[in-house]
Amino acid sequence: MRAILLVGALALAGCQSAAEREAAATGEFEVHNASMKEVAGLSKAAHSKMLMQPGTWDSGMQVVSAEFADGPDKAEQLAAVRKQERHAVKCQTASDLKPLDIENLEKVAGTCTFPRFVQKGGRLDVEIQCTQANGAKTTLLYAGTMGKQAYDVTVDQKSGVKGQPGYAAIRLRVYGRRLGLCQGQPAA
């Protein structure tokens, strides 16, 4: 049985690209003009090296700015974005802290490409361009720091053309820092 597992592990390792093996070893990668498939493979490979530590976390999301096209639902859109703001200090398990599955992005944003995706030296610098079936385009920019004990990332999302119906420009700050072990319970 042990020999079968070893052969299986070697076969899987043979399927990884050199970039995926490097990402698996370091948790870091950098690509330009990449496809969703390429970034998803690198992200999965780097996953185990980038896991945040369970424990008590002080985290939140704040809306830095939000701009929408003029129209009857502009106030509702602003209110909906503001409702996304949150802040909490709570015990986070490994499951709570698992990274976003990048492959799910296309389910909500359409077909996406990555002009750049840099996850190195504790820094994150990402540009994602997505196009929906109706031709609507969205650009997402992520910039900041990420580590096992803390993160602080600014997210810029722009959809549509300024001055046209459907335009939206939203800037968020997503942050968190680990304060220590959870009180009275194991941080599993």
N, C-alpha and C. Protein backbone atom coordinates (compact mmCIF):
# COMPACT_ATOMS: atom_id res chain seq x y z
N MET A 1 0.83 -1.20 0.00
CA MET A 1 0.00 0.00 0.00
C MET A 1 0.87 1.26 0.00
N ARG A 2 1.92 1.24 0.81
CA ARG A 2 2.82 2.39 0.89
C ARG A 2 3.46 2.67 -0.46
N ALA A 3 3.86 1.60 -1.17
CA ALA A 3 4.48 1.76 -2.49
C ALA A 3 3.49 2.37 -3.47
N ILE A 4 2.21 1.98 -3.39
CA ILE A 4 1.19 2.53 -4.28
C ILE A 4 1.02 4.02 -4.02
N LEU A 5 1.00 4.43 -2.74
CA LEU A 5 0.87 5.84 -2.40
C LEU A 5 2.06 6.64 -2.91
N LEU A 6 3.26 6.07 -2.79
CA LEU A 6 4.45 6.75 -3.25
C LEU A 6 4.42 6.93 -4.77
N VAL A 7 4.03 5.89 -5.49
CA VAL A 7 3.93 5.98 -6.95
C VAL A 7 2.88 7.02 -7.34
N GLY A 8 1.73 7.03 -6.62
CA GLY A 8 0.69 8.02 -6.89
C GLY A 8 1.18 9.43 -6.66
N ALA A 9 1.95 9.65 -5.58
CA ALA A 9 2.48 10.97 -5.27
C ALA A 9 3.48 11.40 -6.34
N LEU A 10 4.32 10.47 -6.79
CA LEU A 10 5.28 10.79 -7.84
C LEU A 10 4.57 11.12 -9.15
N ALA A 11 3.50 10.40 -9.45
CA ALA A 11 2.75 10.67 -10.68
C ALA A 11 2.12 12.05 -10.63
N LEU A 12 1.55 12.43 -9.47
CA LEU A 12 0.96 13.76 -9.34
C LEU A 12 2.03 14.84 -9.45
N ALA A 13 3.18 14.62 -8.85
CA ALA A 13 4.25 15.60 -8.92
C ALA A 13 4.70 15.78 -10.36
N GLY A 14 4.66 14.72 -11.14
CA GLY A 14 5.04 14.80 -12.54
C GLY A 14 4.07 15.62 -13.36
N CYS A 15 2.83 15.77 -12.90
CA CYS A 15 1.81 16.53 -13.62
C CYS A 15 1.95 18.03 -13.40
N GLN A 16 2.64 18.44 -12.34
CA GLN A 16 2.80 19.86 -12.05
C GLN A 16 3.84 20.48 -12.96
N SER A 17 3.59 21.72 -13.35
CA SER A 17 4.58 22.46 -14.13
C SER A 17 5.70 22.89 -13.18
N ALA A 18 6.80 23.35 -13.75
CA ALA A 18 7.91 23.84 -12.94
C ALA A 18 7.45 25.02 -12.07
N ALA A 19 6.61 25.89 -12.63
CA ALA A 19 6.10 27.04 -11.87
C ALA A 19 5.22 26.58 -10.71
N GLU A 20 4.41 25.53 -10.92
CA GLU A 20 3.57 25.01 -9.85
C GLU A 20 4.40 24.35 -8.76
N ARG A 21 5.47 23.65 -9.14
CA ARG A 21 6.35 23.04 -8.13
C ARG A 21 7.02 24.13 -7.30
N GLU A 22 7.44 25.21 -7.94
CA GLU A 22 8.05 26.34 -7.23
C GLU A 22 7.03 26.99 -6.29
N ALA A 23 5.81 27.18 -6.76
CA ALA A 23 4.75 27.76 -5.92
C ALA A 23 4.46 26.87 -4.72
N ALA A 24 4.45 25.56 -4.94
CA ALA A 24 4.19 24.61 -3.84
C ALA A 24 5.31 24.66 -2.81
N ALA A 25 6.54 24.86 -3.26
CA ALA A 25 7.69 24.89 -2.35
C ALA A 25 7.79 26.20 -1.57
N THR A 26 7.39 27.32 -2.20
CA THR A 26 7.60 28.63 -1.57
C THR A 26 6.32 29.36 -1.17
N GLY A 27 5.19 29.01 -1.80
CA GLY A 27 3.96 29.76 -1.58
C GLY A 27 3.91 31.04 -2.39
N GLU A 28 4.90 31.24 -3.27
CA GLU A 28 4.98 32.46 -4.06
C GLU A 28 4.94 32.16 -5.54
N PHE A 29 4.41 33.11 -6.31
CA PHE A 29 4.45 32.99 -7.76
C PHE A 29 4.20 34.35 -8.40
N GLU A 30 4.60 34.43 -9.66
CA GLU A 30 4.39 35.65 -10.45
C GLU A 30 4.12 35.23 -11.88
N VAL A 31 3.02 35.71 -12.43
CA VAL A 31 2.67 35.45 -13.83
C VAL A 31 2.13 36.73 -14.45
N HIS A 32 2.26 36.81 -15.77
CA HIS A 32 1.74 37.95 -16.52
C HIS A 32 0.97 37.41 -17.71
N ASN A 33 -0.13 38.09 -18.04
CA ASN A 33 -0.99 37.67 -19.16
C ASN A 33 -1.34 36.19 -19.06
N ALA A 34 -1.84 35.81 -17.88
CA ALA A 34 -2.14 34.41 -17.59
C ALA A 34 -3.63 34.13 -17.68
N SER A 35 -3.94 32.88 -17.93
CA SER A 35 -5.33 32.42 -17.99
C SER A 35 -5.82 32.03 -16.59
N MET A 36 -7.12 31.86 -16.47
CA MET A 36 -7.71 31.41 -15.22
C MET A 36 -7.13 30.05 -14.84
N LYS A 37 -7.00 29.15 -15.80
CA LYS A 37 -6.48 27.81 -15.53
C LYS A 37 -5.06 27.88 -14.95
N GLU A 38 -4.21 28.71 -15.53
CA GLU A 38 -2.83 28.84 -15.06
C GLU A 38 -2.78 29.39 -13.64
N VAL A 39 -3.53 30.47 -13.38
CA VAL A 39 -3.52 31.08 -12.05
C VAL A 39 -4.14 30.14 -11.02
N ALA A 40 -5.21 29.44 -11.38
CA ALA A 40 -5.84 28.50 -10.44
C ALA A 40 -4.86 27.39 -10.06
N GLY A 41 -4.11 26.88 -11.03
CA GLY A 41 -3.13 25.83 -10.75
C GLY A 41 -2.03 26.32 -9.82
N LEU A 42 -1.52 27.53 -10.06
CA LEU A 42 -0.48 28.09 -9.22
C LEU A 42 -1.01 28.40 -7.82
N SER A 43 -2.22 28.93 -7.75
CA SER A 43 -2.84 29.26 -6.47
C SER A 43 -3.04 28.00 -5.62
N LYS A 44 -3.53 26.94 -6.25
CA LYS A 44 -3.70 25.67 -5.52
C LYS A 44 -2.36 25.12 -5.06
N ALA A 45 -1.35 25.22 -5.90
CA ALA A 45 -0.03 24.72 -5.54
C ALA A 45 0.54 25.49 -4.34
N ALA A 46 0.35 26.81 -4.30
CA ALA A 46 0.89 27.66 -3.24
C ALA A 46 0.06 27.60 -1.96
N HIS A 47 -1.12 27.06 -2.05
CA HIS A 47 -2.11 27.08 -0.96
C HIS A 47 -1.54 26.70 0.40
N SER A 48 -0.87 25.56 0.51
CA SER A 48 -0.44 25.07 1.83
C SER A 48 0.61 25.97 2.49
N LYS A 49 1.37 26.70 1.69
CA LYS A 49 2.39 27.60 2.25
C LYS A 49 1.82 28.95 2.65
N MET A 50 0.59 29.24 2.23
CA MET A 50 -0.01 30.56 2.49
C MET A 50 -1.13 30.52 3.54
N LEU A 51 -1.32 29.39 4.19
CA LEU A 51 -2.43 29.26 5.14
C LEU A 51 -2.23 30.19 6.34
N MET A 52 -3.25 30.96 6.66
CA MET A 52 -3.21 31.82 7.83
C MET A 52 -3.42 30.95 9.06
N GLN A 53 -2.82 31.37 10.17
CA GLN A 53 -2.89 30.58 11.39
C GLN A 53 -4.20 30.79 12.13
N PRO A 54 -4.84 29.69 12.53
CA PRO A 54 -6.06 29.81 13.33
C PRO A 54 -5.77 30.53 14.64
N GLY A 55 -6.80 31.12 15.21
CA GLY A 55 -6.68 31.83 16.47
C GLY A 55 -7.68 32.97 16.51
N THR A 56 -7.46 33.89 17.44
CA THR A 56 -8.31 35.07 17.53
C THR A 56 -7.80 36.11 16.55
N TRP A 57 -8.68 36.55 15.68
CA TRP A 57 -8.33 37.52 14.64
C TRP A 57 -9.17 38.79 14.79
N ASP A 58 -8.54 39.91 14.59
CA ASP A 58 -9.20 41.21 14.50
C ASP A 58 -9.23 41.51 13.01
N SER A 59 -10.42 41.44 12.40
CA SER A 59 -10.49 41.59 10.94
C SER A 59 -11.72 42.38 10.52
N GLY A 60 -11.68 42.83 9.29
CA GLY A 60 -12.82 43.58 8.80
C GLY A 60 -12.68 43.99 7.35
N MET A 61 -13.71 44.66 6.90
CA MET A 61 -13.74 45.21 5.55
C MET A 61 -14.38 46.59 5.63
N GLN A 62 -13.73 47.57 5.04
CA GLN A 62 -14.31 48.91 5.02
C GLN A 62 -14.40 49.40 3.59
N VAL A 63 -15.44 50.15 3.32
CA VAL A 63 -15.63 50.76 2.01
C VAL A 63 -14.88 52.09 2.04
N VAL A 64 -13.88 52.20 1.20
CA VAL A 64 -13.09 53.43 1.12
C VAL A 64 -13.82 54.43 0.24
N SER A 65 -14.33 53.96 -0.91
CA SER A 65 -15.10 54.84 -1.79
C SER A 65 -16.00 53.99 -2.67
N ALA A 66 -17.07 54.59 -3.14
CA ALA A 66 -18.00 53.92 -4.06
C ALA A 66 -18.64 54.98 -4.94
N GLU A 67 -18.62 54.72 -6.23
CA GLU A 67 -19.19 55.64 -7.20
C GLU A 67 -19.99 54.82 -8.21
N PHE A 68 -21.19 55.29 -8.50
CA PHE A 68 -22.07 54.60 -9.44
C PHE A 68 -22.59 55.58 -10.47
N ALA A 69 -23.06 55.05 -11.58
CA ALA A 69 -23.69 55.88 -12.61
C ALA A 69 -24.94 56.52 -12.02
N ASP A 70 -25.24 57.73 -12.45
CA ASP A 70 -26.47 58.38 -12.01
C ASP A 70 -27.66 57.57 -12.50
N GLY A 71 -28.64 57.48 -11.64
CA GLY A 71 -29.85 56.74 -12.00
C GLY A 71 -30.73 56.57 -10.78
N PRO A 72 -31.93 56.01 -10.98
CA PRO A 72 -32.88 55.89 -9.89
C PRO A 72 -32.42 54.95 -8.77
N ASP A 73 -31.53 54.02 -9.06
CA ASP A 73 -31.12 53.07 -8.02
C ASP A 73 -29.73 53.37 -7.44
N LYS A 74 -29.19 54.56 -7.72
CA LYS A 74 -27.86 54.91 -7.23
C LYS A 74 -27.79 54.88 -5.70
N ALA A 75 -28.77 55.43 -5.02
CA ALA A 75 -28.77 55.45 -3.55
C ALA A 75 -28.85 54.02 -2.99
N GLU A 76 -29.65 53.16 -3.62
CA GLU A 76 -29.75 51.76 -3.19
C GLU A 76 -28.42 51.04 -3.37
N GLN A 77 -27.74 51.30 -4.47
CA GLN A 77 -26.45 50.67 -4.71
C GLN A 77 -25.42 51.09 -3.66
N LEU A 78 -25.40 52.37 -3.35
CA LEU A 78 -24.48 52.87 -2.32
C LEU A 78 -24.80 52.24 -0.97
N ALA A 79 -26.07 52.15 -0.63
CA ALA A 79 -26.48 51.55 0.65
C ALA A 79 -26.09 50.07 0.69
N ALA A 80 -26.26 49.36 -0.41
CA ALA A 80 -25.91 47.93 -0.45
C ALA A 80 -24.41 47.73 -0.25
N VAL A 81 -23.60 48.60 -0.84
CA VAL A 81 -22.15 48.50 -0.66
C VAL A 81 -21.78 48.80 0.79
N ARG A 82 -22.35 49.82 1.36
CA ARG A 82 -22.06 50.18 2.76
C ARG A 82 -22.44 49.06 3.73
N LYS A 83 -23.48 48.28 3.40
CA LYS A 83 -23.90 47.16 4.25
C LYS A 83 -22.83 46.07 4.32
N GLN A 84 -21.90 46.06 3.37
CA GLN A 84 -20.85 45.05 3.34
C GLN A 84 -19.76 45.33 4.38
N GLU A 85 -19.73 46.54 4.91
CA GLU A 85 -18.70 46.86 5.91
C GLU A 85 -18.90 46.01 7.15
N ARG A 86 -17.77 45.58 7.72
CA ARG A 86 -17.83 44.79 8.94
C ARG A 86 -16.50 44.85 9.67
N HIS A 87 -16.58 44.58 10.96
CA HIS A 87 -15.39 44.47 11.80
C HIS A 87 -15.73 43.49 12.92
N ALA A 88 -14.79 42.61 13.22
CA ALA A 88 -15.03 41.64 14.29
C ALA A 88 -13.71 41.18 14.88
N VAL A 89 -13.76 40.84 16.14
CA VAL A 89 -12.67 40.16 16.82
C VAL A 89 -13.26 38.83 17.25
N LYS A 90 -12.77 37.75 16.63
CA LYS A 90 -13.35 36.45 16.95
C LYS A 90 -12.39 35.32 16.66
N CYS A 91 -12.72 34.17 17.21
CA CYS A 91 -11.93 32.96 17.01
C CYS A 91 -12.16 32.46 15.59
N GLN A 92 -11.08 32.24 14.86
CA GLN A 92 -11.16 31.77 13.47
C GLN A 92 -10.49 30.39 13.37
N THR A 93 -11.18 29.44 12.82
CA THR A 93 -10.63 28.10 12.61
C THR A 93 -9.89 28.07 11.27
N ALA A 94 -9.19 26.98 11.01
CA ALA A 94 -8.51 26.82 9.73
C ALA A 94 -9.51 26.89 8.58
N SER A 95 -10.69 26.35 8.78
CA SER A 95 -11.73 26.38 7.76
C SER A 95 -12.21 27.81 7.49
N ASP A 96 -12.31 28.61 8.54
CA ASP A 96 -12.73 30.01 8.40
C ASP A 96 -11.70 30.82 7.60
N LEU A 97 -10.43 30.44 7.70
CA LEU A 97 -9.34 31.21 7.12
C LEU A 97 -8.86 30.69 5.77
N LYS A 98 -9.55 29.69 5.23
CA LYS A 98 -9.09 29.14 3.95
C LYS A 98 -9.21 30.20 2.86
N PRO A 99 -8.24 30.20 1.93
CA PRO A 99 -8.26 31.22 0.87
C PRO A 99 -9.41 31.03 -0.10
N LEU A 100 -9.74 32.09 -0.76
CA LEU A 100 -10.77 32.10 -1.79
C LEU A 100 -10.37 31.17 -2.93
N ASP A 101 -11.30 30.38 -3.41
CA ASP A 101 -11.05 29.54 -4.57
C ASP A 101 -11.20 30.42 -5.81
N ILE A 102 -10.08 30.76 -6.41
CA ILE A 102 -10.06 31.70 -7.54
C ILE A 102 -10.91 31.22 -8.72
N GLU A 103 -11.05 29.90 -8.86
CA GLU A 103 -11.83 29.37 -9.99
C GLU A 103 -13.30 29.79 -9.92
N ASN A 104 -13.81 30.10 -8.74
CA ASN A 104 -15.20 30.52 -8.60
C ASN A 104 -15.45 31.93 -9.15
N LEU A 105 -14.39 32.68 -9.38
CA LEU A 105 -14.54 34.05 -9.88
C LEU A 105 -15.30 34.09 -11.20
N GLU A 106 -15.00 33.17 -12.11
CA GLU A 106 -15.65 33.21 -13.42
C GLU A 106 -17.14 32.91 -13.35
N LYS A 107 -17.60 32.26 -12.29
CA LYS A 107 -19.03 31.98 -12.14
C LYS A 107 -19.82 33.27 -11.97
N VAL A 108 -19.19 34.28 -11.35
CA VAL A 108 -19.91 35.54 -11.12
C VAL A 108 -19.44 36.68 -12.01
N ALA A 109 -18.21 36.60 -12.52
CA ALA A 109 -17.66 37.74 -13.25
C ALA A 109 -17.50 37.51 -14.75
N GLY A 110 -17.72 36.30 -15.24
CA GLY A 110 -17.53 36.02 -16.66
C GLY A 110 -16.15 35.45 -16.93
N THR A 111 -15.69 35.56 -18.15
CA THR A 111 -14.38 35.04 -18.55
C THR A 111 -13.30 36.02 -18.07
N CYS A 112 -12.30 35.49 -17.37
CA CYS A 112 -11.29 36.37 -16.77
C CYS A 112 -9.88 36.01 -17.23
N THR A 113 -9.05 37.05 -17.34
CA THR A 113 -7.63 36.89 -17.60
C THR A 113 -6.87 37.71 -16.56
N PHE A 114 -5.59 37.42 -16.43
CA PHE A 114 -4.78 38.05 -15.40
C PHE A 114 -3.59 38.76 -16.05
N PRO A 115 -3.70 40.07 -16.32
CA PRO A 115 -2.54 40.80 -16.83
C PRO A 115 -1.33 40.65 -15.90
N ARG A 116 -1.60 40.54 -14.58
CA ARG A 116 -0.52 40.25 -13.63
C ARG A 116 -1.11 39.61 -12.37
N PHE A 117 -0.34 38.71 -11.81
CA PHE A 117 -0.66 38.11 -10.52
C PHE A 117 0.67 37.86 -9.84
N VAL A 118 0.98 38.70 -8.85
CA VAL A 118 2.24 38.61 -8.13
C VAL A 118 1.93 38.37 -6.66
N GLN A 119 2.41 37.26 -6.15
CA GLN A 119 2.26 36.89 -4.74
C GLN A 119 3.66 36.51 -4.27
N LYS A 120 4.41 37.51 -3.82
CA LYS A 120 5.82 37.30 -3.45
C LYS A 120 6.21 38.18 -2.28
N GLY A 121 7.08 37.64 -1.43
CA GLY A 121 7.65 38.43 -0.34
C GLY A 121 6.62 39.06 0.57
N GLY A 122 5.48 38.39 0.75
CA GLY A 122 4.42 38.92 1.60
C GLY A 122 3.57 40.00 0.94
N ARG A 123 3.81 40.26 -0.33
CA ARG A 123 3.06 41.28 -1.06
C ARG A 123 2.14 40.65 -2.08
N LEU A 124 1.04 41.31 -2.33
CA LEU A 124 0.08 40.88 -3.32
C LEU A 124 -0.15 42.04 -4.29
N ASP A 125 -0.03 41.76 -5.59
CA ASP A 125 -0.26 42.76 -6.63
C ASP A 125 -0.92 42.04 -7.79
N VAL A 126 -2.22 42.23 -7.94
CA VAL A 126 -3.01 41.46 -8.90
C VAL A 126 -3.89 42.39 -9.73
N GLU A 127 -3.96 42.09 -11.03
CA GLU A 127 -4.92 42.74 -11.92
C GLU A 127 -5.69 41.64 -12.62
N ILE A 128 -7.01 41.71 -12.54
CA ILE A 128 -7.88 40.74 -13.18
C ILE A 128 -8.83 41.49 -14.10
N GLN A 129 -8.97 41.03 -15.33
CA GLN A 129 -9.93 41.62 -16.26
C GLN A 129 -10.93 40.55 -16.65
N CYS A 130 -12.21 40.86 -16.43
CA CYS A 130 -13.28 39.90 -16.71
C CYS A 130 -14.28 40.50 -17.69
N THR A 131 -14.83 39.64 -18.53
CA THR A 131 -15.85 40.04 -19.49
C THR A 131 -17.03 39.08 -19.38
N GLN A 132 -18.22 39.64 -19.14
CA GLN A 132 -19.42 38.82 -19.05
C GLN A 132 -19.96 38.52 -20.45
N ALA A 133 -20.88 37.57 -20.52
CA ALA A 133 -21.46 37.16 -21.80
C ALA A 133 -22.08 38.33 -22.55
N ASN A 134 -22.62 39.33 -21.81
CA ASN A 134 -23.25 40.48 -22.46
C ASN A 134 -22.24 41.55 -22.90
N GLY A 135 -20.93 41.27 -22.69
CA GLY A 135 -19.89 42.22 -23.09
C GLY A 135 -19.45 43.18 -22.00
N ALA A 136 -20.15 43.19 -20.87
CA ALA A 136 -19.78 44.08 -19.77
C ALA A 136 -18.40 43.69 -19.24
N LYS A 137 -17.57 44.70 -19.00
CA LYS A 137 -16.19 44.46 -18.56
C LYS A 137 -16.00 44.95 -17.12
N THR A 138 -15.21 44.18 -16.36
CA THR A 138 -14.86 44.54 -14.99
C THR A 138 -13.37 44.36 -14.81
N THR A 139 -12.74 45.32 -14.15
CA THR A 139 -11.33 45.22 -13.79
C THR A 139 -11.23 45.21 -12.27
N LEU A 140 -10.46 44.25 -11.75
CA LEU A 140 -10.22 44.14 -10.31
C LEU A 140 -8.73 44.31 -10.06
N LEU A 141 -8.39 45.15 -9.09
CA LEU A 141 -7.00 45.35 -8.69
C LEU A 141 -6.89 45.04 -7.20
N TYR A 142 -5.92 44.20 -6.84
CA TYR A 142 -5.65 43.87 -5.45
C TYR A 142 -4.22 44.29 -5.17
N ALA A 143 -4.00 45.03 -4.09
CA ALA A 143 -2.65 45.45 -3.72
C ALA A 143 -2.55 45.51 -2.21
N GLY A 144 -1.47 44.93 -1.68
CA GLY A 144 -1.28 44.99 -0.24
C GLY A 144 -0.36 43.91 0.26
N THR A 145 -0.52 43.58 1.52
CA THR A 145 0.33 42.59 2.17
C THR A 145 -0.51 41.41 2.64
N MET A 146 0.12 40.22 2.61
CA MET A 146 -0.55 39.01 3.08
C MET A 146 0.46 38.11 3.76
N GLY A 147 0.06 37.54 4.87
CA GLY A 147 0.92 36.61 5.57
C GLY A 147 0.10 35.71 6.48
N LYS A 148 0.77 34.85 7.20
CA LYS A 148 0.09 33.90 8.08
C LYS A 148 -0.48 34.56 9.32
N GLN A 149 0.04 35.74 9.67
CA GLN A 149 -0.38 36.44 10.89
C GLN A 149 -1.18 37.71 10.63
N ALA A 150 -1.17 38.20 9.38
CA ALA A 150 -1.87 39.46 9.09
C ALA A 150 -2.03 39.65 7.59
N TYR A 151 -3.00 40.49 7.23
CA TYR A 151 -3.19 40.89 5.84
C TYR A 151 -3.81 42.28 5.82
N ASP A 152 -3.52 43.01 4.77
CA ASP A 152 -4.08 44.34 4.58
C ASP A 152 -4.06 44.60 3.07
N VAL A 153 -5.21 44.47 2.44
CA VAL A 153 -5.30 44.51 0.98
C VAL A 153 -6.36 45.53 0.56
N THR A 154 -6.00 46.35 -0.42
CA THR A 154 -6.96 47.27 -1.04
C THR A 154 -7.47 46.60 -2.31
N VAL A 155 -8.78 46.63 -2.48
CA VAL A 155 -9.42 46.03 -3.65
C VAL A 155 -10.13 47.14 -4.40
N ASP A 156 -9.77 47.32 -5.67
CA ASP A 156 -10.45 48.28 -6.55
C ASP A 156 -11.21 47.50 -7.60
N GLN A 157 -12.50 47.80 -7.74
CA GLN A 157 -13.32 47.15 -8.77
C GLN A 157 -13.96 48.24 -9.61
N LYS A 158 -13.73 48.14 -10.92
CA LYS A 158 -14.35 49.09 -11.85
C LYS A 158 -15.10 48.30 -12.91
N SER A 159 -16.36 48.68 -13.11
CA SER A 159 -17.20 48.03 -14.11
C SER A 159 -17.80 49.10 -15.00
N GLY A 160 -17.83 48.83 -16.29
CA GLY A 160 -18.46 49.75 -17.23
C GLY A 160 -17.62 50.97 -17.51
N VAL A 161 -18.26 51.97 -18.12
CA VAL A 161 -17.61 53.21 -18.53
C VAL A 161 -18.20 54.36 -17.73
N LYS A 162 -17.32 55.18 -17.15
CA LYS A 162 -17.77 56.32 -16.34
C LYS A 162 -18.72 57.19 -17.15
N GLY A 163 -19.83 57.57 -16.52
CA GLY A 163 -20.83 58.40 -17.17
C GLY A 163 -21.88 57.60 -17.94
N GLN A 164 -21.69 56.30 -18.05
CA GLN A 164 -22.63 55.44 -18.77
C GLN A 164 -23.43 54.59 -17.77
N PRO A 165 -24.62 54.15 -18.15
CA PRO A 165 -25.39 53.25 -17.28
C PRO A 165 -24.57 51.99 -16.96
N GLY A 166 -24.69 51.52 -15.71
CA GLY A 166 -23.99 50.31 -15.29
C GLY A 166 -22.60 50.55 -14.73
N TYR A 167 -22.13 51.81 -14.76
CA TYR A 167 -20.80 52.11 -14.25
C TYR A 167 -20.76 51.95 -12.73
N ALA A 168 -19.68 51.36 -12.23
CA ALA A 168 -19.44 51.26 -10.79
C ALA A 168 -17.94 51.27 -10.54
N ALA A 169 -17.52 52.02 -9.53
CA ALA A 169 -16.12 52.04 -9.10
C ALA A 169 -16.14 51.94 -7.57
N ILE A 170 -15.62 50.84 -7.06
CA ILE A 170 -15.67 50.58 -5.62
C ILE A 170 -14.26 50.29 -5.13
N ARG A 171 -13.88 50.91 -4.04
CA ARG A 171 -12.59 50.63 -3.39
C ARG A 171 -12.87 50.15 -1.97
N LEU A 172 -12.33 48.97 -1.67
CA LEU A 172 -12.49 48.37 -0.35
C LEU A 172 -11.13 48.15 0.29
N ARG A 173 -11.11 48.12 1.59
CA ARG A 173 -9.92 47.71 2.33
C ARG A 173 -10.32 46.49 3.15
N VAL A 174 -9.59 45.40 2.95
CA VAL A 174 -9.82 44.16 3.68
C VAL A 174 -8.59 43.93 4.54
N TYR A 175 -8.79 43.75 5.85
CA TYR A 175 -7.65 43.68 6.75
C TYR A 175 -7.89 42.68 7.87
N GLY A 176 -6.82 42.23 8.46
CA GLY A 176 -6.92 41.35 9.61
C GLY A 176 -5.55 41.11 10.21
N ARG A 177 -5.56 40.84 11.51
CA ARG A 177 -4.32 40.45 12.18
C ARG A 177 -4.65 39.48 13.29
N ARG A 178 -3.79 38.50 13.44
CA ARG A 178 -3.97 37.47 14.46
C ARG A 178 -3.52 38.03 15.80
N LEU A 179 -4.39 37.90 16.81
CA LEU A 179 -4.08 38.42 18.13
C LEU A 179 -3.48 37.35 19.04
N GLY A 180 -3.71 36.08 18.73
CA GLY A 180 -3.19 34.99 19.56
C GLY A 180 -4.14 33.80 19.51
N LEU A 181 -3.96 32.90 20.47
CA LEU A 181 -4.81 31.72 20.54
C LEU A 181 -6.22 32.11 20.95
N CYS A 182 -7.17 31.28 20.56
CA CYS A 182 -8.56 31.51 20.99
C CYS A 182 -8.67 31.21 22.47
N GLN A 183 -9.42 32.02 23.18
CA GLN A 183 -9.60 31.84 24.62
C GLN A 183 -10.57 30.71 24.90
N GLY A 184 -10.13 29.73 25.70
CA GLY A 184 -11.02 28.67 26.15
C GLY A 184 -11.33 27.59 25.11
N GLN A 185 -10.69 27.62 23.95
CA GLN A 185 -10.94 26.59 22.96
C GLN A 185 -9.71 26.42 22.07
N PRO A 186 -9.52 25.19 21.59
CA PRO A 186 -8.37 24.97 20.71
C PRO A 186 -8.58 25.66 19.36
N ALA A 187 -7.51 26.14 18.77
CA ALA A 187 -7.59 26.80 17.46
C ALA A 187 -7.33 25.77 16.38
N ALA A 188 -8.31 24.93 16.10
CA ALA A 188 -8.13 23.86 15.12
C ALA A 188 -8.55 24.29 13.74
